[in-house]
Amino acid sequence: MVALGLLLGGCDRDKAPSAQQATEALGSARDDIAKAKTSIDAIEKQSGELNDKIKSQRAELNAVVEKRLALLRQHLKEDEERLARLPAPQENELRPRLAELAKQLEDVTAKLNAYRDSPPEASAATLAALEKSLAAFSEARRDLEAKLQPT
């Protein structure tokens, strides 16, 4: 950039720069441009590496989310199977609770996906909503579990 300053304004206005000064300024400007390009290339490389890392971590997060949801669905299926083995009056009493638990699992799923997909500035709010939904689901499941225990 110094060279560009010399080329544009470092000379006396009344006197044109010599050919040697102009050549040196041009060479220096080319060097500055090459350095800037190298710096930009390095930043682009780092950006690509960070994007790859983000993709990898997002894939890991998606796997954890799916694993957790599969586990919750499995628990719900097991509860349904246990409910089916109960005497009819008890099954009829608990069937609405199981249906409510299934709705709560859908809510947990929606909130988990919202948290996973939320921008950083919204993650605290979506995490709080997820935790609230998970707590409600866990409480409802514990309540149903207690009712499914043989007496």
Protein backbone atom coordinates (compact mmCIF):
# COMPACT_ATOMS: atom_id res chain seq x y z
CA MET A 1 0.00 0.00 0.00
CA VAL A 2 2.98 2.28 0.57
CA ALA A 3 3.88 1.85 -3.04
CA LEU A 4 0.43 2.89 -4.12
CA GLY A 5 0.78 6.02 -1.99
CA LEU A 6 4.05 6.82 -3.69
CA LEU A 7 2.51 6.16 -7.06
CA LEU A 8 -0.52 8.34 -6.42
CA GLY A 9 0.60 11.08 -4.12
CA GLY A 10 4.13 10.63 -2.93
CA CYS A 11 5.59 12.74 -5.67
CA ASP A 12 5.68 16.43 -6.20
CA ARG A 13 2.56 17.47 -8.15
CA ASP A 14 4.52 19.49 -10.59
CA LYS A 15 6.97 16.74 -11.30
CA ALA A 16 5.97 13.36 -12.76
CA PRO A 17 7.45 10.30 -11.06
CA SER A 18 10.42 8.81 -12.75
CA ALA A 19 10.04 5.55 -14.61
CA GLN A 20 12.06 3.80 -11.92
CA GLN A 21 9.79 5.14 -9.13
CA ALA A 22 6.70 4.10 -11.06
CA THR A 23 8.12 0.63 -11.67
CA GLU A 24 9.02 0.23 -7.98
CA ALA A 25 5.59 1.45 -6.89
CA LEU A 26 3.88 -0.90 -9.31
CA GLY A 27 6.01 -3.84 -8.12
CA SER A 28 5.27 -3.01 -4.50
CA ALA A 29 1.54 -2.75 -5.28
CA ARG A 30 1.67 -6.17 -6.95
CA ASP A 31 3.40 -7.61 -3.86
CA ASP A 32 0.69 -6.10 -1.62
CA ILE A 33 -2.02 -7.58 -3.85
CA ALA A 34 -0.33 -11.00 -3.76
CA LYS A 35 -0.13 -10.85 0.05
CA ALA A 36 -3.81 -9.88 0.27
CA LYS A 37 -4.76 -12.75 -2.06
CA THR A 38 -2.74 -15.20 0.05
CA SER A 39 -4.47 -13.92 3.17
CA ILE A 40 -7.91 -14.25 1.54
CA ASP A 41 -7.09 -17.79 0.38
CA ALA A 42 -6.05 -18.75 3.92
CA ILE A 43 -9.26 -17.31 5.37
CA GLU A 44 -11.35 -19.17 2.77
CA LYS A 45 -9.56 -22.40 3.64
CA GLN A 46 -10.24 -21.86 7.35
CA SER A 47 -13.87 -21.09 6.55
CA GLY A 48 -14.19 -24.34 4.62
CA GLU A 49 -12.63 -26.30 7.47
CA LEU A 50 -15.02 -24.68 9.96
CA ASN A 51 -17.98 -25.47 7.71
CA ASP A 52 -16.85 -29.10 7.52
CA LYS A 53 -16.55 -29.23 11.31
CA ILE A 54 -20.02 -27.70 11.71
CA LYS A 55 -21.46 -30.30 9.32
CA SER A 56 -19.77 -33.09 11.25
CA GLN A 57 -21.02 -31.85 14.60
CA ARG A 58 -24.52 -31.33 13.20
CA ALA A 59 -24.49 -34.95 11.98
CA GLU A 60 -23.43 -36.11 15.46
CA LEU A 61 -26.16 -33.98 17.04
CA ASN A 62 -28.75 -35.40 14.65
CA ALA A 63 -27.65 -38.93 15.55
CA VAL A 64 -27.95 -38.19 19.27
CA VAL A 65 -31.37 -36.59 18.78
CA GLU A 66 -32.63 -39.56 16.78
CA LYS A 67 -31.20 -42.03 19.29
CA ARG A 68 -32.89 -40.22 22.19
CA LEU A 69 -36.21 -40.02 20.35
CA ALA A 70 -36.01 -43.70 19.42
CA LEU A 71 -35.45 -44.54 23.08
CA LEU A 72 -38.47 -42.45 24.15
CA ARG A 73 -40.62 -44.07 21.45
CA GLN A 74 -39.47 -47.50 22.62
CA HIS A 75 -40.49 -46.68 26.20
CA LEU A 76 -43.89 -45.54 24.94
CA LYS A 77 -44.30 -48.77 22.94
CA GLU A 78 -43.36 -50.85 25.99
CA ASP A 79 -45.90 -48.93 28.08
CA GLU A 80 -48.55 -49.62 25.46
CA GLU A 81 -47.73 -53.34 25.50
CA ARG A 82 -47.92 -53.43 29.30
CA LEU A 83 -51.20 -51.54 29.20
CA ALA A 84 -52.66 -54.11 26.81
CA ARG A 85 -51.94 -56.88 29.35
CA LEU A 86 -53.93 -55.17 32.11
CA PRO A 87 -57.54 -56.04 32.96
CA ALA A 88 -59.99 -54.15 30.75
CA PRO A 89 -61.23 -51.67 33.40
CA GLN A 90 -57.68 -50.62 34.28
CA GLU A 91 -56.66 -50.50 30.62
CA ASN A 92 -59.63 -48.26 29.80
CA GLU A 93 -58.71 -45.96 32.69
CA LEU A 94 -55.07 -45.63 31.60
CA ARG A 95 -55.52 -45.52 27.80
CA PRO A 96 -56.18 -41.72 27.78
CA ARG A 97 -53.00 -41.16 29.81
CA LEU A 98 -51.01 -43.13 27.27
CA ALA A 99 -52.56 -41.07 24.44
CA GLU A 100 -51.59 -37.89 26.30
CA LEU A 101 -48.09 -39.24 26.75
CA ALA A 102 -47.88 -39.84 22.99
CA LYS A 103 -48.92 -36.22 22.37
CA GLN A 104 -46.30 -35.03 24.82
CA LEU A 105 -43.68 -37.08 22.97
CA GLU A 106 -44.70 -35.30 19.75
CA ASP A 107 -44.24 -31.99 21.59
CA VAL A 108 -40.81 -33.09 22.85
CA THR A 109 -39.87 -34.08 19.30
CA ALA A 110 -40.96 -30.72 17.91
CA LYS A 111 -39.11 -28.80 20.64
CA LEU A 112 -35.99 -30.92 20.20
CA ASN A 113 -35.98 -30.21 16.47
CA ALA A 114 -36.61 -26.51 17.11
CA TYR A 115 -33.67 -26.40 19.51
CA ARG A 116 -31.41 -28.27 17.13
CA ASP A 117 -32.30 -25.96 14.23
CA SER A 118 -32.39 -22.69 16.18
CA PRO A 119 -29.90 -19.91 15.52
CA PRO A 120 -27.47 -19.21 18.37
CA GLU A 121 -29.36 -16.14 19.53
CA ALA A 122 -32.55 -18.20 20.03
CA SER A 123 -30.95 -21.31 21.51
CA ALA A 124 -31.48 -20.30 25.16
CA ALA A 125 -35.23 -19.84 24.64
CA THR A 126 -35.65 -23.04 22.62
CA LEU A 127 -33.60 -24.98 25.17
CA ALA A 128 -35.83 -23.72 27.99
CA ALA A 129 -38.92 -24.81 26.03
CA LEU A 130 -37.34 -28.20 25.38
CA GLU A 131 -36.46 -28.71 29.04
CA LYS A 132 -40.01 -27.78 30.08
CA SER A 133 -41.46 -30.21 27.54
CA LEU A 134 -39.09 -32.99 28.63
CA ALA A 135 -39.96 -32.40 32.27
CA ALA A 136 -43.69 -32.65 31.51
CA PHE A 137 -43.13 -35.82 29.49
CA SER A 138 -40.99 -37.39 32.24
CA GLU A 139 -43.55 -36.53 34.91
CA ALA A 140 -46.41 -37.99 32.86
CA ARG A 141 -44.37 -41.11 32.13
CA ARG A 142 -43.52 -41.59 35.83
CA ASP A 143 -47.20 -41.20 36.68
CA LEU A 144 -48.20 -43.78 34.07
CA GLU A 145 -45.37 -46.08 35.18
CA ALA A 146 -46.66 -45.96 38.74
CA LYS A 147 -50.17 -46.87 37.55
CA LEU A 148 -48.83 -49.75 35.45
CA GLN A 149 -47.01 -51.36 38.40
CA PRO A 150 -48.71 -54.51 39.63
CA THR A 151 -50.40 -54.04 42.99
